[in-house]
Amino acid sequence: MKLQKLKTQRRNREEIKSVNLLSLSIIQYPKQSNSMNNKINSLQIPISKTINIKTDIEFNIDEILRQMINELFNEIMTSYKSNLQLFIDRSEVIQKHY
């Protein structure tokens, strides 16, 4: 009988503890929820800034690539014109001698 009484007391204490923890959880939930919302909001600002930075970088990279391609094209055309002029000059020299 005494053992049964001890078991019942222990079970009652555990139930009371569980109810207290649950009550505390329910009371603290709005605070935790508000805190989490604040954290989420604070993270969203850096995300939008990061997206803007990414867009800027992509634009800059595109501009750099265009510039490199244009420079390469200009070099090729300059070389072509130079070689063409050499060919024309030599052709004229050959024509004059023959």
PDB file of N, CA and C in Angstrom:
ATOM      1  N   MET A   1       0.812  -1.187   0.000  1.00  0.00           N
ATOM      2  CA  MET A   1       0.000   0.000   0.000  1.00  0.00           C
ATOM      3  C   MET A   1       0.863   1.262   0.000  1.00  0.00           C
ATOM      4  N   LYS A   2       1.876   1.236   0.827  1.00  0.00           N
ATOM      5  CA  LYS A   2       2.767   2.380   0.915  1.00  0.00           C
ATOM      6  C   LYS A   2       3.498   2.599  -0.412  1.00  0.00           C
ATOM      7  N   LEU A   3       3.900   1.525  -1.027  1.00  0.00           N
ATOM      8  CA  LEU A   3       4.582   1.602  -2.312  1.00  0.00           C
ATOM      9  C   LEU A   3       3.652   2.194  -3.373  1.00  0.00           C
ATOM     10  N   GLN A   4       2.410   1.772  -3.349  1.00  0.00           N
ATOM     11  CA  GLN A   4       1.419   2.289  -4.287  1.00  0.00           C
ATOM     12  C   GLN A   4       1.220   3.786  -4.078  1.00  0.00           C
ATOM     13  N   LYS A   5       1.175   4.206  -2.837  1.00  0.00           N
ATOM     14  CA  LYS A   5       1.001   5.619  -2.509  1.00  0.00           C
ATOM     15  C   LYS A   5       2.189   6.436  -3.020  1.00  0.00           C
ATOM     16  N   LEU A   6       3.394   5.904  -2.862  1.00  0.00           N
ATOM     17  CA  LEU A   6       4.599   6.581  -3.341  1.00  0.00           C
ATOM     18  C   LEU A   6       4.576   6.712  -4.869  1.00  0.00           C
ATOM     19  N   LYS A   7       4.164   5.653  -5.536  1.00  0.00           N
ATOM     20  CA  LYS A   7       4.080   5.679  -6.997  1.00  0.00           C
ATOM     21  C   LYS A   7       3.074   6.733  -7.458  1.00  0.00           C
ATOM     22  N   THR A   8       1.942   6.779  -6.782  1.00  0.00           N
ATOM     23  CA  THR A   8       0.906   7.749  -7.127  1.00  0.00           C
ATOM     24  C   THR A   8       1.405   9.173  -6.901  1.00  0.00           C
ATOM     25  N   GLN A   9       2.083   9.405  -5.803  1.00  0.00           N
ATOM     26  CA  GLN A   9       2.636  10.734  -5.512  1.00  0.00           C
ATOM     27  C   GLN A   9       3.658  11.139  -6.584  1.00  0.00           C
ATOM     28  N   ARG A  10       4.480  10.183  -6.918  1.00  0.00           N
ATOM     29  CA  ARG A  10       5.502  10.468  -7.935  1.00  0.00           C
ATOM     30  C   ARG A  10       4.848  10.811  -9.276  1.00  0.00           C
ATOM     31  N   ARG A  11       3.857  10.021  -9.656  1.00  0.00           N
ATOM     32  CA  ARG A  11       3.142  10.262 -10.901  1.00  0.00           C
ATOM     33  C   ARG A  11       2.464  11.636 -10.868  1.00  0.00           C
ATOM     34  N   ASN A  12       1.882  11.976  -9.737  1.00  0.00           N
ATOM     35  CA  ASN A  12       1.232  13.285  -9.592  1.00  0.00           C
ATOM     36  C   ASN A  12       2.247  14.422  -9.736  1.00  0.00           C
ATOM     37  N   ARG A  13       3.406  14.257  -9.130  1.00  0.00           N
ATOM     38  CA  ARG A  13       4.455  15.279  -9.245  1.00  0.00           C
ATOM     39  C   ARG A  13       4.898  15.440 -10.703  1.00  0.00           C
ATOM     40  N   GLU A  14       5.048  14.324 -11.378  1.00  0.00           N
ATOM     41  CA  GLU A  14       5.456  14.374 -12.785  1.00  0.00           C
ATOM     42  C   GLU A  14       4.388  15.042 -13.651  1.00  0.00           C
ATOM     43  N   GLU A  15       3.122  14.741 -13.349  1.00  0.00           N
ATOM     44  CA  GLU A  15       2.034  15.371 -14.098  1.00  0.00           C
ATOM     45  C   GLU A  15       1.999  16.874 -13.844  1.00  0.00           C
ATOM     46  N   ILE A  16       2.189  17.257 -12.593  1.00  0.00           N
ATOM     47  CA  ILE A  16       2.209  18.679 -12.237  1.00  0.00           C
ATOM     48  C   ILE A  16       3.376  19.368 -12.942  1.00  0.00           C
ATOM     49  N   LYS A  17       4.505  18.709 -12.952  1.00  0.00           N
ATOM     50  CA  LYS A  17       5.684  19.252 -13.637  1.00  0.00           C
ATOM     51  C   LYS A  17       5.397  19.436 -15.130  1.00  0.00           C
ATOM     52  N   SER A  18       4.781  18.438 -15.727  1.00  0.00           N
ATOM     53  CA  SER A  18       4.451  18.495 -17.153  1.00  0.00           C
ATOM     54  C   SER A  18       3.465  19.625 -17.444  1.00  0.00           C
ATOM     55  N   VAL A  19       2.458  19.748 -16.599  1.00  0.00           N
ATOM     56  CA  VAL A  19       1.468  20.812 -16.778  1.00  0.00           C
ATOM     57  C   VAL A  19       2.136  22.174 -16.626  1.00  0.00           C
ATOM     58  N   ASN A  20       3.018  22.310 -15.654  1.00  0.00           N
ATOM     59  CA  ASN A  20       3.737  23.573 -15.456  1.00  0.00           C
ATOM     60  C   ASN A  20       4.600  23.912 -16.675  1.00  0.00           C
ATOM     61  N   LEU A  21       5.297  22.916 -17.185  1.00  0.00           N
ATOM     62  CA  LEU A  21       6.127  23.142 -18.372  1.00  0.00           C
ATOM     63  C   LEU A  21       5.276  23.537 -19.577  1.00  0.00           C
ATOM     64  N   LEU A  22       4.155  22.865 -19.725  1.00  0.00           N
ATOM     65  CA  LEU A  22       3.255  23.187 -20.826  1.00  0.00           C
ATOM     66  C   LEU A  22       2.710  24.609 -20.677  1.00  0.00           C
ATOM     67  N   SER A  23       2.322  24.966 -19.474  1.00  0.00           N
ATOM     68  CA  SER A  23       1.816  26.323 -19.209  1.00  0.00           C
ATOM     69  C   SER A  23       2.882  27.361 -19.514  1.00  0.00           C
ATOM     70  N   LEU A  24       4.075  27.095 -19.071  1.00  0.00           N
ATOM     71  CA  LEU A  24       5.179  28.019 -19.321  1.00  0.00           C
ATOM     72  C   LEU A  24       5.425  28.153 -20.823  1.00  0.00           C
ATOM     73  N   SER A  25       5.352  27.045 -21.513  1.00  0.00           N
ATOM     74  CA  SER A  25       5.536  27.052 -22.967  1.00  0.00           C
ATOM     75  C   SER A  25       4.471  27.899 -23.644  1.00  0.00           C
ATOM     76  N   ILE A  26       3.244  27.725 -23.215  1.00  0.00           N
ATOM     77  CA  ILE A  26       2.138  28.479 -23.805  1.00  0.00           C
ATOM     78  C   ILE A  26       2.307  29.965 -23.528  1.00  0.00           C
ATOM     79  N   ILE A  27       2.747  30.301 -22.338  1.00  0.00           N
ATOM     80  CA  ILE A  27       2.954  31.707 -21.970  1.00  0.00           C
ATOM     81  C   ILE A  27       4.102  32.300 -22.778  1.00  0.00           C
ATOM     82  N   GLN A  28       5.162  31.542 -22.972  1.00  0.00           N
ATOM     83  CA  GLN A  28       6.348  32.064 -23.649  1.00  0.00           C
ATOM     84  C   GLN A  28       6.246  32.022 -25.172  1.00  0.00           C
ATOM     85  N   TYR A  29       5.297  31.262 -25.706  1.00  0.00           N
ATOM     86  CA  TYR A  29       5.203  31.122 -27.156  1.00  0.00           C
ATOM     87  C   TYR A  29       5.096  32.457 -27.891  1.00  0.00           C
ATOM     88  N   PRO A  30       4.202  33.369 -27.472  1.00  0.00           N
ATOM     89  CA  PRO A  30       4.131  34.651 -28.201  1.00  0.00           C
ATOM     90  C   PRO A  30       5.463  35.399 -28.196  1.00  0.00           C
ATOM     91  N   LYS A  31       6.165  35.352 -27.089  1.00  0.00           N
ATOM     92  CA  LYS A  31       7.469  36.026 -27.021  1.00  0.00           C
ATOM     93  C   LYS A  31       8.446  35.374 -27.992  1.00  0.00           C
ATOM     94  N   GLN A  32       8.466  34.045 -27.990  1.00  0.00           N
ATOM     95  CA  GLN A  32       9.379  33.330 -28.888  1.00  0.00           C
ATOM     96  C   GLN A  32       8.990  33.558 -30.345  1.00  0.00           C
ATOM     97  N   SER A  33       7.695  33.534 -30.594  1.00  0.00           N
ATOM     98  CA  SER A  33       7.219  33.746 -31.957  1.00  0.00           C
ATOM     99  C   SER A  33       7.591  35.146 -32.437  1.00  0.00           C
ATOM    100  N   ASN A  34       7.399  36.126 -31.584  1.00  0.00           N
ATOM    101  CA  ASN A  34       7.749  37.504 -31.925  1.00  0.00           C
ATOM    102  C   ASN A  34       9.252  37.626 -32.164  1.00  0.00           C
ATOM    103  N   SER A  35      10.013  36.981 -31.321  1.00  0.00           N
ATOM    104  CA  SER A  35      11.468  37.006 -31.473  1.00  0.00           C
ATOM    105  C   SER A  35      11.884  36.369 -32.800  1.00  0.00           C
ATOM    106  N   MET A  36      11.259  35.261 -33.140  1.00  0.00           N
ATOM    107  CA  MET A  36      11.584  34.594 -34.408  1.00  0.00           C
ATOM    108  C   MET A  36      11.185  35.463 -35.594  1.00  0.00           C
ATOM    109  N   ASN A  37      10.039  36.116 -35.501  1.00  0.00           N
ATOM    110  CA  ASN A  37       9.615  37.018 -36.583  1.00  0.00           C
ATOM    111  C   ASN A  37      10.612  38.151 -36.751  1.00  0.00           C
ATOM    112  N   ASN A  38      11.083  38.684 -35.640  1.00  0.00           N
ATOM    113  CA  ASN A  38      12.087  39.754 -35.710  1.00  0.00           C
ATOM    114  C   ASN A  38      13.365  39.254 -36.371  1.00  0.00           C
ATOM    115  N   LYS A  39      13.774  38.047 -36.014  1.00  0.00           N
ATOM    116  CA  LYS A  39      14.986  37.482 -36.614  1.00  0.00           C
ATOM    117  C   LYS A  39      14.796  37.277 -38.117  1.00  0.00           C
ATOM    118  N   ILE A  40      13.651  36.763 -38.496  1.00  0.00           N
ATOM    119  CA  ILE A  40      13.369  36.545 -39.919  1.00  0.00           C
ATOM    120  C   ILE A  40      13.388  37.874 -40.665  1.00  0.00           C
ATOM    121  N   ASN A  41      12.743  38.884 -40.084  1.00  0.00           N
ATOM    122  CA  ASN A  41      12.729  40.209 -40.722  1.00  0.00           C
ATOM    123  C   ASN A  41      14.128  40.787 -40.837  1.00  0.00           C
ATOM    124  N   SER A  42      14.921  40.601 -39.803  1.00  0.00           N
ATOM    125  CA  SER A  42      16.283  41.141 -39.856  1.00  0.00           C
ATOM    126  C   SER A  42      17.128  40.412 -40.896  1.00  0.00           C
ATOM    127  N   LEU A  43      16.814  39.156 -41.164  1.00  0.00           N
ATOM    128  CA  LEU A  43      17.556  38.409 -42.184  1.00  0.00           C
ATOM    129  C   LEU A  43      17.093  38.762 -43.595  1.00  0.00           C
ATOM    130  N   GLN A  44      15.847  39.164 -43.730  1.00  0.00           N
ATOM    131  CA  GLN A  44      15.330  39.476 -45.061  1.00  0.00           C
ATOM    132  C   GLN A  44      15.988  40.716 -45.641  1.00  0.00           C
ATOM    133  N   ILE A  45      16.348  41.658 -44.818  1.00  0.00           N
ATOM    134  CA  ILE A  45      17.013  42.870 -45.307  1.00  0.00           C
ATOM    135  C   ILE A  45      18.363  42.514 -45.929  1.00  0.00           C
ATOM    136  N   PRO A  46      19.222  41.768 -45.219  1.00  0.00           N
ATOM    137  CA  PRO A  46      20.491  41.392 -45.857  1.00  0.00           C
ATOM    138  C   PRO A  46      20.295  40.561 -47.131  1.00  0.00           C
ATOM    139  N   ILE A  47      19.249  39.740 -47.169  1.00  0.00           N
ATOM    140  CA  ILE A  47      19.006  38.933 -48.369  1.00  0.00           C
ATOM    141  C   ILE A  47      18.727  39.853 -49.553  1.00  0.00           C
ATOM    142  N   SER A  48      17.903  40.872 -49.357  1.00  0.00           N
ATOM    143  CA  SER A  48      17.603  41.778 -50.469  1.00  0.00           C
ATOM    144  C   SER A  48      18.849  42.561 -50.868  1.00  0.00           C
ATOM    145  N   LYS A  49      19.652  42.948 -49.891  1.00  0.00           N
ATOM    146  CA  LYS A  49      20.904  43.639 -50.218  1.00  0.00           C
ATOM    147  C   LYS A  49      21.829  42.709 -50.997  1.00  0.00           C
ATOM    148  N   THR A  50      21.884  41.453 -50.577  1.00  0.00           N
ATOM    149  CA  THR A  50      22.726  40.471 -51.253  1.00  0.00           C
ATOM    150  C   THR A  50      22.263  40.278 -52.697  1.00  0.00           C
ATOM    151  N   ILE A  51      20.964  40.226 -52.895  1.00  0.00           N
ATOM    152  CA  ILE A  51      20.428  40.070 -54.249  1.00  0.00           C
ATOM    153  C   ILE A  51      20.805  41.278 -55.100  1.00  0.00           C
ATOM    154  N   ASN A  52      20.716  42.477 -54.518  1.00  0.00           N
ATOM    155  CA  ASN A  52      21.109  43.682 -55.258  1.00  0.00           C
ATOM    156  C   ASN A  52      22.591  43.657 -55.605  1.00  0.00           C
ATOM    157  N   ILE A  53      23.410  43.237 -54.669  1.00  0.00           N
ATOM    158  CA  ILE A  53      24.854  43.152 -54.918  1.00  0.00           C
ATOM    159  C   ILE A  53      25.124  42.142 -56.027  1.00  0.00           C
ATOM    160  N   LYS A  54      24.443  41.008 -55.973  1.00  0.00           N
ATOM    161  CA  LYS A  54      24.608  39.975 -56.999  1.00  0.00           C
ATOM    162  C   LYS A  54      24.236  40.534 -58.376  1.00  0.00           C
ATOM    163  N   THR A  55      23.138  41.265 -58.442  1.00  0.00           N
ATOM    164  CA  THR A  55      22.707  41.863 -59.704  1.00  0.00           C
ATOM    165  C   THR A  55      23.749  42.850 -60.211  1.00  0.00           C
ATOM    166  N   ASP A  56      24.272  43.673 -59.310  1.00  0.00           N
ATOM    167  CA  ASP A  56      25.314  44.635 -59.699  1.00  0.00           C
ATOM    168  C   ASP A  56      26.551  43.925 -60.225  1.00  0.00           C
ATOM    169  N   ILE A  57      26.955  42.872 -59.545  1.00  0.00           N
ATOM    170  CA  ILE A  57      28.148  42.122 -59.959  1.00  0.00           C
ATOM    171  C   ILE A  57      27.922  41.497 -61.335  1.00  0.00           C
ATOM    172  N   GLU A  58      26.743  40.909 -61.526  1.00  0.00           N
ATOM    173  CA  GLU A  58      26.446  40.304 -62.831  1.00  0.00           C
ATOM    174  C   GLU A  58      26.488  41.352 -63.938  1.00  0.00           C
ATOM    175  N   PHE A  59      25.914  42.520 -63.662  1.00  0.00           N
ATOM    176  CA  PHE A  59      25.928  43.596 -64.655  1.00  0.00           C
ATOM    177  C   PHE A  59      27.367  44.012 -64.956  1.00  0.00           C
ATOM    178  N   ASN A  60      28.165  44.180 -63.903  1.00  0.00           N
ATOM    179  CA  ASN A  60      29.563  44.583 -64.093  1.00  0.00           C
ATOM    180  C   ASN A  60      30.346  43.531 -64.869  1.00  0.00           C
ATOM    181  N   ILE A  61      30.103  42.272 -64.560  1.00  0.00           N
ATOM    182  CA  ILE A  61      30.799  41.197 -65.275  1.00  0.00           C
ATOM    183  C   ILE A  61      30.398  41.218 -66.749  1.00  0.00           C
ATOM    184  N   ASP A  62      29.110  41.414 -67.017  1.00  0.00           N
ATOM    185  CA  ASP A  62      28.654  41.506 -68.411  1.00  0.00           C
ATOM    186  C   ASP A  62      29.344  42.652 -69.140  1.00  0.00           C
ATOM    187  N   GLU A  63      29.440  43.791 -68.471  1.00  0.00           N
ATOM    188  CA  GLU A  63      30.110  44.946 -69.082  1.00  0.00           C
ATOM    189  C   GLU A  63      31.592  44.654 -69.345  1.00  0.00           C
ATOM    190  N   ILE A  64      32.241  44.032 -68.387  1.00  0.00           N
ATOM    191  CA  ILE A  64      33.665  43.693 -68.535  1.00  0.00           C
ATOM    192  C   ILE A  64      33.847  42.723 -69.699  1.00  0.00           C
ATOM    193  N   LEU A  65      32.978  41.720 -69.781  1.00  0.00           N
ATOM    194  CA  LEU A  65      33.073  40.754 -70.883  1.00  0.00           C
ATOM    195  C   LEU A  65      32.851  41.429 -72.235  1.00  0.00           C
ATOM    196  N   ARG A  66      31.860  42.313 -72.303  1.00  0.00           N
ATOM    197  CA  ARG A  66      31.626  43.044 -73.557  1.00  0.00           C
ATOM    198  C   ARG A  66      32.856  43.850 -73.944  1.00  0.00           C
ATOM    199  N   GLN A  67      33.425  44.508 -72.963  1.00  0.00           N
ATOM    200  CA  GLN A  67      34.614  45.323 -73.231  1.00  0.00           C
ATOM    201  C   GLN A  67      35.772  44.447 -73.709  1.00  0.00           C
ATOM    202  N   MET A  68      35.955  43.291 -73.060  1.00  0.00           N
ATOM    203  CA  MET A  68      37.041  42.387 -73.469  1.00  0.00           C
ATOM    204  C   MET A  68      36.817  41.887 -74.899  1.00  0.00           C
ATOM    205  N   ILE A  69      35.578  41.528 -75.195  1.00  0.00           N
ATOM    206  CA  ILE A  69      35.262  41.041 -76.539  1.00  0.00           C
ATOM    207  C   ILE A  69      35.504  42.138 -77.565  1.00  0.00           C
ATOM    208  N   ASN A  70      35.073  43.348 -77.238  1.00  0.00           N
ATOM    209  CA  ASN A  70      35.295  44.473 -78.162  1.00  0.00           C
ATOM    210  C   ASN A  70      36.781  44.737 -78.358  1.00  0.00           C
ATOM    211  N   GLU A  71      37.539  44.685 -77.275  1.00  0.00           N
ATOM    212  CA  GLU A  71      38.985  44.913 -77.389  1.00  0.00           C
ATOM    213  C   GLU A  71      39.635  43.828 -78.234  1.00  0.00           C
ATOM    214  N   LEU A  72      39.227  42.596 -78.002  1.00  0.00           N
ATOM    215  CA  LEU A  72      39.770  41.488 -78.784  1.00  0.00           C
ATOM    216  C   LEU A  72      39.409  41.661 -80.260  1.00  0.00           C
ATOM    217  N   PHE A  73      38.168  41.991 -80.528  1.00  0.00           N
ATOM    218  CA  PHE A  73      37.737  42.218 -81.906  1.00  0.00           C
ATOM    219  C   PHE A  73      38.545  43.355 -82.535  1.00  0.00           C
ATOM    220  N   ASN A  74      38.719  44.433 -81.781  1.00  0.00           N
ATOM    221  CA  ASN A  74      39.493  45.570 -82.302  1.00  0.00           C
ATOM    222  C   ASN A  74      40.938  45.177 -82.595  1.00  0.00           C
ATOM    223  N   GLU A  75      41.521  44.368 -81.719  1.00  0.00           N
ATOM    224  CA  GLU A  75      42.897  43.903 -81.960  1.00  0.00           C
ATOM    225  C   GLU A  75      42.961  43.054 -83.222  1.00  0.00           C
ATOM    226  N   ILE A  76      42.003  42.167 -83.371  1.00  0.00           N
ATOM    227  CA  ILE A  76      41.971  41.303 -84.557  1.00  0.00           C
ATOM    228  C   ILE A  76      41.818  42.149 -85.819  1.00  0.00           C
ATOM    229  N   MET A  77      40.914  43.111 -85.767  1.00  0.00           N
ATOM    230  CA  MET A  77      40.705  43.967 -86.943  1.00  0.00           C
ATOM    231  C   MET A  77      41.941  44.816 -87.238  1.00  0.00           C
ATOM    232  N   THR A  78      42.580  45.314 -86.209  1.00  0.00           N
ATOM    233  CA  THR A  78      43.799  46.104 -86.406  1.00  0.00           C
ATOM    234  C   THR A  78      44.883  45.246 -87.041  1.00  0.00           C
ATOM    235  N   SER A  79      45.027  44.033 -86.533  1.00  0.00           N
ATOM    236  CA  SER A  79      46.017  43.117 -87.090  1.00  0.00           C
ATOM    237  C   SER A  79      45.669  42.785 -88.545  1.00  0.00           C
ATOM    238  N   TYR A  80      44.408  42.537 -88.802  1.00  0.00           N
ATOM    239  CA  TYR A  80      43.964  42.234 -90.160  1.00  0.00           C
ATOM    240  C   TYR A  80      44.276  43.405 -91.102  1.00  0.00           C
ATOM    241  N   LYS A  81      43.922  44.614 -90.676  1.00  0.00           N
ATOM    242  CA  LYS A  81      44.186  45.795 -91.514  1.00  0.00           C
ATOM    243  C   LYS A  81      45.676  45.971 -91.749  1.00  0.00           C
ATOM    244  N   SER A  82      46.439  45.747 -90.702  1.00  0.00           N
ATOM    245  CA  SER A  82      47.893  45.879 -90.826  1.00  0.00           C
ATOM    246  C   SER A  82      48.442  44.852 -91.818  1.00  0.00           C
ATOM    247  N   ASN A  83      48.028  43.616 -91.679  1.00  0.00           N
ATOM    248  CA  ASN A  83      48.486  42.562 -92.591  1.00  0.00           C
ATOM    249  C   ASN A  83      47.992  42.795 -94.014  1.00  0.00           C
ATOM    250  N   LEU A  84      46.775  43.264 -94.131  1.00  0.00           N
ATOM    251  CA  LEU A  84      46.239  43.570 -95.450  1.00  0.00           C
ATOM    252  C   LEU A  84      47.043  44.695 -96.107  1.00  0.00           C
ATOM    253  N   GLN A  85      47.364  45.707 -95.318  1.00  0.00           N
ATOM    254  CA  GLN A  85      48.154  46.819 -95.854  1.00  0.00           C
ATOM    255  C   GLN A  85      49.543  46.341 -96.280  1.00  0.00           C
ATOM    256  N   LEU A  86      50.154  45.461 -95.476  1.00  0.00           N
ATOM    257  CA  LEU A  86      51.454  44.886 -95.859  1.00  0.00           C
ATOM    258  C   LEU A  86      51.341  44.123 -97.180  1.00  0.00           C
ATOM    259  N   PHE A  87      50.300  43.334 -97.297  1.00  0.00           N
ATOM    260  CA  PHE A  87      50.088  42.566 -98.518  1.00  0.00           C
ATOM    261  C   PHE A  87      49.922  43.500 -99.724  1.00  0.00           C
ATOM    262  N   ILE A  88      49.120  44.533 -99.546  1.00  0.00           N
ATOM    263  CA  ILE A  88      48.903  45.502-100.636  1.00  0.00           C
ATOM    264  C   ILE A  88      50.216  46.192-101.002  1.00  0.00           C
ATOM    265  N   ASP A  89      50.950  46.636 -99.990  1.00  0.00           N
ATOM    266  CA  ASP A  89      52.236  47.310-100.245  1.00  0.00           C
ATOM    267  C   ASP A  89      53.196  46.389-100.989  1.00  0.00           C
ATOM    268  N   ARG A  90      53.310  45.176-100.558  1.00  0.00           N
ATOM    269  CA  ARG A  90      54.227  44.232-101.209  1.00  0.00           C
ATOM    270  C   ARG A  90      53.759  43.912-102.628  1.00  0.00           C
ATOM    271  N   SER A  91      52.443  43.808-102.760  1.00  0.00           N
ATOM    272  CA  SER A  91      51.907  43.543-104.107  1.00  0.00           C
ATOM    273  C   SER A  91      52.247  44.685-105.047  1.00  0.00           C
ATOM    274  N   GLU A  92      52.139  45.898-104.549  1.00  0.00           N
ATOM    275  CA  GLU A  92      52.473  47.072-105.372  1.00  0.00           C
ATOM    276  C   GLU A  92      53.959  47.090-105.719  1.00  0.00           C
ATOM    277  N   VAL A  93      54.799  46.741-104.738  1.00  0.00           N
ATOM    278  CA  VAL A  93      56.244  46.702-104.989  1.00  0.00           C
ATOM    279  C   VAL A  93      56.545  45.644-106.046  1.00  0.00           C
ATOM    280  N   ILE A  94      55.935  44.502-105.925  1.00  0.00           N
ATOM    281  CA  ILE A  94      56.156  43.421-106.890  1.00  0.00           C
ATOM    282  C   ILE A  94      55.672  43.860-108.272  1.00  0.00           C
ATOM    283  N   GLN A  95      54.545  44.527-108.322  1.00  0.00           N
ATOM    284  CA  GLN A  95      54.005  44.992-109.605  1.00  0.00           C
ATOM    285  C   GLN A  95      54.935  46.002-110.268  1.00  0.00           C
ATOM    286  N   LYS A  96      55.506  46.872-109.477  1.00  0.00           N
ATOM    287  CA  LYS A  96      56.403  47.891-110.024  1.00  0.00           C
ATOM    288  C   LYS A  96      57.663  47.258-110.596  1.00  0.00           C
ATOM    289  N   HIS A  97      58.146  46.226-110.007  1.00  0.00           N
ATOM    290  CA  HIS A  97      59.376  45.591-110.468  1.00  0.00           C
ATOM    291  C   HIS A  97      59.134  44.695-111.673  1.00  0.00           C
ATOM    292  N   TYR A  98      57.946  44.290-111.918  1.00  0.00           N
ATOM    293  CA  TYR A  98      57.698  43.382-113.040  1.00  0.00           C
ATOM    294  C   TYR A  98      56.864  44.010-114.041  1.00  0.00           C
TER     295      TYR A  98
END
